[in-house]
Amino acid sequence: MHDDSRVSADTPDWSRERCVGFWDPGRRLLRSIRSYQYWKKREIPWRWLSKYWVFQHHLWSVITGADIPLNCDIGGGLSLVHPNGVVIFPGSVIGPNCQIFQQVTIGVGGSRPGAPVLGGHVDVGAGAKILGGVKIGDHALIGANAVVLQDVPRGATAVGVPARIILASDSGDQVTHEDKQLDDAR
């Protein structure tokens, strides 16, 4: 369980994206995207700097094995813990302070048309797939290898294939009778 009071769903924590050393592939990839978007908006004499960041983006995309387009809508404070294999569709929206693990796909192809919209401080576990025009609420958790094809409310957890929603309560995560039986069977 995570502590919602520490990480904001509205105010980006830019320190999460700050490069620590040279070999920091996830943060270097994010820096190339942010810098490209910054310089692309500038006036004519400075726009040429965006081409340098396109090169950097290609370099770090190859190193990480991630497919995150330069024009995607990513809120500040994104944490790519292990960026290898992360795929984000260009029309997807990712809120501030989200955390995405390896082999995650955020894209189209679900039962709903459109691209996913992730709220603020959403943690997406390794191998998870979020497909179609779904909305993921603030402070939600997406379990490892979950396939999310429906909306996930604020503070809820989505697990399984296809994902089912486990609502969080004030005292902690709510465990259903079915979950208890699954845990006992293991």
C-alpha atoms as a PDB file:
ATOM      1  CA  MET A   1       0.000   0.000   0.000  1.00  0.00           C
ATOM      2  CA  HIS A   2       1.274   3.489  -0.752  1.00  0.00           C
ATOM      3  CA  ASP A   3       0.903   6.693   1.241  1.00  0.00           C
ATOM      4  CA  ASP A   4      -1.215   9.176  -0.741  1.00  0.00           C
ATOM      5  CA  SER A   5      -0.231  12.087   1.510  1.00  0.00           C
ATOM      6  CA  ARG A   6       3.407  12.048   0.384  1.00  0.00           C
ATOM      7  CA  VAL A   7       3.008  12.211  -3.391  1.00  0.00           C
ATOM      8  CA  SER A   8       0.761  14.826  -4.950  1.00  0.00           C
ATOM      9  CA  ALA A   9      -1.611  13.984  -7.774  1.00  0.00           C
ATOM     10  CA  ASP A  10      -1.663  17.624  -8.886  1.00  0.00           C
ATOM     11  CA  THR A  11       1.749  19.253  -8.331  1.00  0.00           C
ATOM     12  CA  PRO A  12       4.634  17.697 -10.293  1.00  0.00           C
ATOM     13  CA  ASP A  13       7.715  16.703  -8.309  1.00  0.00           C
ATOM     14  CA  TRP A  14      10.405  17.533 -10.874  1.00  0.00           C
ATOM     15  CA  SER A  15      13.149  16.045  -8.673  1.00  0.00           C
ATOM     16  CA  ARG A  16      11.881  12.595  -9.696  1.00  0.00           C
ATOM     17  CA  GLU A  17      13.084  13.319 -13.262  1.00  0.00           C
ATOM     18  CA  ARG A  18      16.475  14.830 -12.376  1.00  0.00           C
ATOM     19  CA  CYS A  19      19.383  12.839 -13.854  1.00  0.00           C
ATOM     20  CA  VAL A  20      21.590  11.362 -11.125  1.00  0.00           C
ATOM     21  CA  GLY A  21      24.584  10.404 -13.244  1.00  0.00           C
ATOM     22  CA  PHE A  22      25.491   9.797 -16.847  1.00  0.00           C
ATOM     23  CA  TRP A  23      24.051   6.287 -16.878  1.00  0.00           C
ATOM     24  CA  ASP A  24      20.465   7.026 -15.961  1.00  0.00           C
ATOM     25  CA  PRO A  25      18.614   5.861 -19.105  1.00  0.00           C
ATOM     26  CA  GLY A  26      15.013   6.455 -18.012  1.00  0.00           C
ATOM     27  CA  ARG A  27      15.654   9.976 -16.832  1.00  0.00           C
ATOM     28  CA  ARG A  28      17.847  10.756 -19.853  1.00  0.00           C
ATOM     29  CA  LEU A  29      15.027   9.643 -22.135  1.00  0.00           C
ATOM     30  CA  LEU A  30      12.563  11.876 -20.284  1.00  0.00           C
ATOM     31  CA  ARG A  31      15.021  14.775 -20.424  1.00  0.00           C
ATOM     32  CA  SER A  32      15.276  14.425 -24.206  1.00  0.00           C
ATOM     33  CA  ILE A  33      11.471  14.514 -24.523  1.00  0.00           C
ATOM     34  CA  ARG A  34      11.095  17.527 -22.205  1.00  0.00           C
ATOM     35  CA  SER A  35      13.935  19.424 -23.907  1.00  0.00           C
ATOM     36  CA  TYR A  36      12.577  18.696 -27.394  1.00  0.00           C
ATOM     37  CA  GLN A  37       9.142  19.994 -26.394  1.00  0.00           C
ATOM     38  CA  TYR A  38      10.696  23.091 -24.806  1.00  0.00           C
ATOM     39  CA  TRP A  39      12.883  24.053 -27.785  1.00  0.00           C
ATOM     40  CA  LYS A  40      10.237  23.180 -30.390  1.00  0.00           C
ATOM     41  CA  LYS A  41       8.028  25.964 -28.977  1.00  0.00           C
ATOM     42  CA  ARG A  42      10.743  28.632 -29.231  1.00  0.00           C
ATOM     43  CA  GLU A  43      11.192  31.215 -31.956  1.00  0.00           C
ATOM     44  CA  ILE A  44      13.025  30.519 -35.226  1.00  0.00           C
ATOM     45  CA  PRO A  45      16.663  31.128 -34.160  1.00  0.00           C
ATOM     46  CA  TRP A  46      16.457  28.598 -31.324  1.00  0.00           C
ATOM     47  CA  ARG A  47      14.214  25.913 -32.837  1.00  0.00           C
ATOM     48  CA  TRP A  48      17.213  24.161 -34.387  1.00  0.00           C
ATOM     49  CA  LEU A  49      18.179  22.987 -30.878  1.00  0.00           C
ATOM     50  CA  SER A  50      15.177  20.664 -30.957  1.00  0.00           C
ATOM     51  CA  LYS A  51      16.993  18.599 -33.601  1.00  0.00           C
ATOM     52  CA  TYR A  52      19.769  17.826 -31.095  1.00  0.00           C
ATOM     53  CA  TRP A  53      17.150  16.511 -28.685  1.00  0.00           C
ATOM     54  CA  VAL A  54      15.613  14.360 -31.439  1.00  0.00           C
ATOM     55  CA  PHE A  55      19.018  12.689 -31.777  1.00  0.00           C
ATOM     56  CA  GLN A  56      19.236  12.263 -27.982  1.00  0.00           C
ATOM     57  CA  HIS A  57      15.721  10.802 -27.945  1.00  0.00           C
ATOM     58  CA  HIS A  58      16.632   8.233 -30.605  1.00  0.00           C
ATOM     59  CA  LEU A  59      19.810   7.307 -28.726  1.00  0.00           C
ATOM     60  CA  TRP A  60      18.118   6.809 -25.365  1.00  0.00           C
ATOM     61  CA  SER A  61      15.121   5.073 -26.966  1.00  0.00           C
ATOM     62  CA  VAL A  62      17.455   2.469 -28.454  1.00  0.00           C
ATOM     63  CA  ILE A  63      19.341   2.055 -25.187  1.00  0.00           C
ATOM     64  CA  THR A  64      16.176   1.676 -23.101  1.00  0.00           C
ATOM     65  CA  GLY A  65      14.107  -0.188 -25.675  1.00  0.00           C
ATOM     66  CA  ALA A  66      11.243   2.178 -24.886  1.00  0.00           C
ATOM     67  CA  ASP A  67       8.792   3.609 -27.413  1.00  0.00           C
ATOM     68  CA  ILE A  68       7.731   6.967 -25.994  1.00  0.00           C
ATOM     69  CA  PRO A  69       7.008   9.550 -28.714  1.00  0.00           C
ATOM     70  CA  LEU A  70       8.434  13.058 -28.579  1.00  0.00           C
ATOM     71  CA  ASN A  71       5.000  14.684 -28.771  1.00  0.00           C
ATOM     72  CA  CYS A  72       3.299  12.736 -25.989  1.00  0.00           C
ATOM     73  CA  ASP A  73       1.429  14.426 -23.133  1.00  0.00           C
ATOM     74  CA  ILE A  74       3.275  13.478 -19.944  1.00  0.00           C
ATOM     75  CA  GLY A  75       2.804  15.311 -16.662  1.00  0.00           C
ATOM     76  CA  GLY A  76       5.867  16.255 -14.649  1.00  0.00           C
ATOM     77  CA  GLY A  77       7.513  13.930 -12.168  1.00  0.00           C
ATOM     78  CA  LEU A  78       7.172  10.726 -14.205  1.00  0.00           C
ATOM     79  CA  SER A  79       9.296   7.903 -12.836  1.00  0.00           C
ATOM     80  CA  LEU A  80      10.416   5.208 -15.278  1.00  0.00           C
ATOM     81  CA  VAL A  81      11.965   2.759 -12.834  1.00  0.00           C
ATOM     82  CA  HIS A  82      13.127   0.298 -15.495  1.00  0.00           C
ATOM     83  CA  PRO A  83      12.262   1.879 -18.864  1.00  0.00           C
ATOM     84  CA  ASN A  84      12.960  -1.167 -21.040  1.00  0.00           C
ATOM     85  CA  GLY A  85       9.992  -2.169 -23.174  1.00  0.00           C
ATOM     86  CA  VAL A  86       7.705   0.713 -22.157  1.00  0.00           C
ATOM     87  CA  VAL A  87       5.317   1.637 -24.985  1.00  0.00           C
ATOM     88  CA  ILE A  88       3.146   4.759 -24.807  1.00  0.00           C
ATOM     89  CA  PHE A  89       0.685   5.668 -27.560  1.00  0.00           C
ATOM     90  CA  PRO A  90       1.058   9.325 -28.722  1.00  0.00           C
ATOM     91  CA  GLY A  91      -2.551  10.210 -27.842  1.00  0.00           C
ATOM     92  CA  SER A  92      -2.286   8.944 -24.260  1.00  0.00           C
ATOM     93  CA  VAL A  93      -2.292  11.401 -21.367  1.00  0.00           C
ATOM     94  CA  ILE A  94      -0.218  10.713 -18.269  1.00  0.00           C
ATOM     95  CA  GLY A  95      -0.759  12.820 -15.162  1.00  0.00           C
ATOM     96  CA  PRO A  96       1.890  14.167 -12.799  1.00  0.00           C
ATOM     97  CA  ASN A  97       4.029  11.965 -10.529  1.00  0.00           C
ATOM     98  CA  CYS A  98       3.140   8.636 -12.137  1.00  0.00           C
ATOM     99  CA  GLN A  99       5.418   5.625 -11.852  1.00  0.00           C
ATOM    100  CA  ILE A 100       5.755   3.135 -14.702  1.00  0.00           C
ATOM    101  CA  PHE A 101       7.706  -0.113 -14.518  1.00  0.00           C
ATOM    102  CA  GLN A 102       9.177  -2.230 -17.347  1.00  0.00           C
ATOM    103  CA  GLN A 103       7.247  -3.800 -20.241  1.00  0.00           C
ATOM    104  CA  VAL A 104       4.178  -1.571 -19.769  1.00  0.00           C
ATOM    105  CA  THR A 105       1.930  -0.735 -22.730  1.00  0.00           C
ATOM    106  CA  ILE A 106      -0.361   2.298 -22.601  1.00  0.00           C
ATOM    107  CA  GLY A 107      -2.235   2.434 -25.873  1.00  0.00           C
ATOM    108  CA  VAL A 108      -5.258   1.806 -28.059  1.00  0.00           C
ATOM    109  CA  GLY A 109      -6.913  -1.484 -28.883  1.00  0.00           C
ATOM    110  CA  GLY A 110      -9.346  -2.108 -26.072  1.00  0.00           C
ATOM    111  CA  SER A 111     -13.111  -2.292 -26.292  1.00  0.00           C
ATOM    112  CA  ARG A 112     -13.388   1.501 -25.939  1.00  0.00           C
ATOM    113  CA  PRO A 113     -12.177   3.780 -28.715  1.00  0.00           C
ATOM    114  CA  GLY A 114      -9.494   6.315 -27.888  1.00  0.00           C
ATOM    115  CA  ALA A 115      -6.346   6.405 -25.799  1.00  0.00           C
ATOM    116  CA  PRO A 116      -5.953   5.991 -22.021  1.00  0.00           C
ATOM    117  CA  VAL A 117      -5.891   8.932 -19.604  1.00  0.00           C
ATOM    118  CA  LEU A 118      -3.948   8.377 -16.382  1.00  0.00           C
ATOM    119  CA  GLY A 119      -4.595  10.666 -13.429  1.00  0.00           C
ATOM    120  CA  GLY A 120      -1.962  11.922 -11.027  1.00  0.00           C
ATOM    121  CA  HIS A 121       0.252   9.563  -9.012  1.00  0.00           C
ATOM    122  CA  VAL A 122      -0.751   6.344 -10.746  1.00  0.00           C
ATOM    123  CA  ASP A 123       1.611   3.400 -10.218  1.00  0.00           C
ATOM    124  CA  VAL A 124       1.658   0.922 -13.105  1.00  0.00           C
ATOM    125  CA  GLY A 125       3.229  -2.469 -12.344  1.00  0.00           C
ATOM    126  CA  ALA A 126       5.579  -4.426 -14.594  1.00  0.00           C
ATOM    127  CA  GLY A 127       4.018  -5.889 -17.720  1.00  0.00           C
ATOM    128  CA  ALA A 128       0.675  -4.143 -17.297  1.00  0.00           C
ATOM    129  CA  LYS A 129      -1.389  -3.185 -20.345  1.00  0.00           C
ATOM    130  CA  ILE A 130      -3.797  -0.240 -20.288  1.00  0.00           C
ATOM    131  CA  LEU A 131      -5.776  -0.299 -23.511  1.00  0.00           C
ATOM    132  CA  GLY A 132      -8.487   1.848 -25.083  1.00  0.00           C
ATOM    133  CA  GLY A 133     -10.168   5.037 -23.962  1.00  0.00           C
ATOM    134  CA  VAL A 134     -10.120   4.246 -20.246  1.00  0.00           C
ATOM    135  CA  LYS A 135      -9.628   6.707 -17.404  1.00  0.00           C
ATOM    136  CA  ILE A 136      -7.429   5.832 -14.453  1.00  0.00           C
ATOM    137  CA  GLY A 137      -8.140   7.898 -11.325  1.00  0.00           C
ATOM    138  CA  ASP A 138      -5.613   9.660  -9.110  1.00  0.00           C
ATOM    139  CA  HIS A 139      -3.568   7.492  -6.704  1.00  0.00           C
ATOM    140  CA  ALA A 140      -4.666   4.279  -8.443  1.00  0.00           C
ATOM    141  CA  LEU A 141      -2.527   1.144  -8.576  1.00  0.00           C
ATOM    142  CA  ILE A 142      -2.314  -1.123 -11.606  1.00  0.00           C
ATOM    143  CA  GLY A 143      -0.972  -4.561 -10.689  1.00  0.00           C
ATOM    144  CA  ALA A 144       1.805  -6.353 -12.514  1.00  0.00           C
ATOM    145  CA  ASN A 145       0.638  -7.991 -15.761  1.00  0.00           C
ATOM    146  CA  ALA A 146      -2.893  -6.588 -15.374  1.00  0.00           C
ATOM    147  CA  VAL A 147      -4.833  -5.897 -18.569  1.00  0.00           C
ATOM    148  CA  VAL A 148      -6.977  -2.828 -17.907  1.00  0.00           C
ATOM    149  CA  LEU A 149      -9.953  -2.442 -20.259  1.00  0.00           C
ATOM    150  CA  GLN A 150     -12.275  -0.440 -17.973  1.00  0.00           C
ATOM    151  CA  ASP A 151     -12.092   2.741 -15.893  1.00  0.00           C
ATOM    152  CA  VAL A 152     -10.300   2.547 -12.542  1.00  0.00           C
ATOM    153  CA  PRO A 153     -11.644   4.879  -9.840  1.00  0.00           C
ATOM    154  CA  ARG A 154      -9.482   7.115  -7.657  1.00  0.00           C
ATOM    155  CA  GLY A 155      -7.447   5.185  -5.078  1.00  0.00           C
ATOM    156  CA  ALA A 156      -8.480   1.769  -6.415  1.00  0.00           C
ATOM    157  CA  THR A 157      -6.315  -1.159  -7.460  1.00  0.00           C
ATOM    158  CA  ALA A 158      -6.721  -3.085 -10.725  1.00  0.00           C
ATOM    159  CA  VAL A 159      -5.407  -6.658 -10.902  1.00  0.00           C
ATOM    160  CA  GLY A 160      -5.747  -9.664 -13.195  1.00  0.00           C
ATOM    161  CA  VAL A 161      -6.512 -10.459 -16.815  1.00  0.00           C
ATOM    162  CA  PRO A 162      -8.857  -8.792 -17.620  1.00  0.00           C
ATOM    163  CA  ALA A 163      -8.360  -6.469 -14.666  1.00  0.00           C
ATOM    164  CA  ARG A 164     -10.884  -6.412 -11.881  1.00  0.00           C
ATOM    165  CA  ILE A 165     -11.149  -3.476  -9.531  1.00  0.00           C
ATOM    166  CA  ILE A 166     -10.387  -3.695  -5.824  1.00  0.00           C
ATOM    167  CA  LEU A 167     -11.565  -0.539  -4.112  1.00  0.00           C
ATOM    168  CA  ALA A 168      -9.411   0.925  -1.362  1.00  0.00           C
ATOM    169  CA  SER A 169     -10.940   1.787   1.997  1.00  0.00           C
ATOM    170  CA  ASP A 170      -9.791   4.387   4.521  1.00  0.00           C
ATOM    171  CA  SER A 171      -8.164   1.795   6.782  1.00  0.00           C
ATOM    172  CA  GLY A 172      -6.343   0.031   3.963  1.00  0.00           C
ATOM    173  CA  ASP A 173      -7.087  -2.060   0.918  1.00  0.00           C
ATOM    174  CA  GLN A 174     -10.419  -3.840   0.963  1.00  0.00           C
ATOM    175  CA  VAL A 175      -9.998  -7.567   0.523  1.00  0.00           C
ATOM    176  CA  THR A 176     -13.005  -9.347  -0.936  1.00  0.00           C
ATOM    177  CA  HIS A 177     -14.103 -12.863  -0.013  1.00  0.00           C
ATOM    178  CA  GLU A 178     -12.977 -14.048  -3.444  1.00  0.00           C
ATOM    179  CA  ASP A 179      -9.471 -12.623  -2.869  1.00  0.00           C
ATOM    180  CA  LYS A 180      -9.267 -14.399   0.496  1.00  0.00           C
ATOM    181  CA  GLN A 181     -10.153 -17.717  -1.172  1.00  0.00           C
ATOM    182  CA  LEU A 182      -7.477 -17.188  -3.842  1.00  0.00           C
ATOM    183  CA  ASP A 183      -4.849 -16.424  -1.193  1.00  0.00           C
ATOM    184  CA  ASP A 184      -5.845 -19.494   0.838  1.00  0.00           C
ATOM    185  CA  ALA A 185      -5.612 -21.723  -2.266  1.00  0.00           C
ATOM    186  CA  ARG A 186      -1.996 -20.692  -2.855  1.00  0.00           C
END
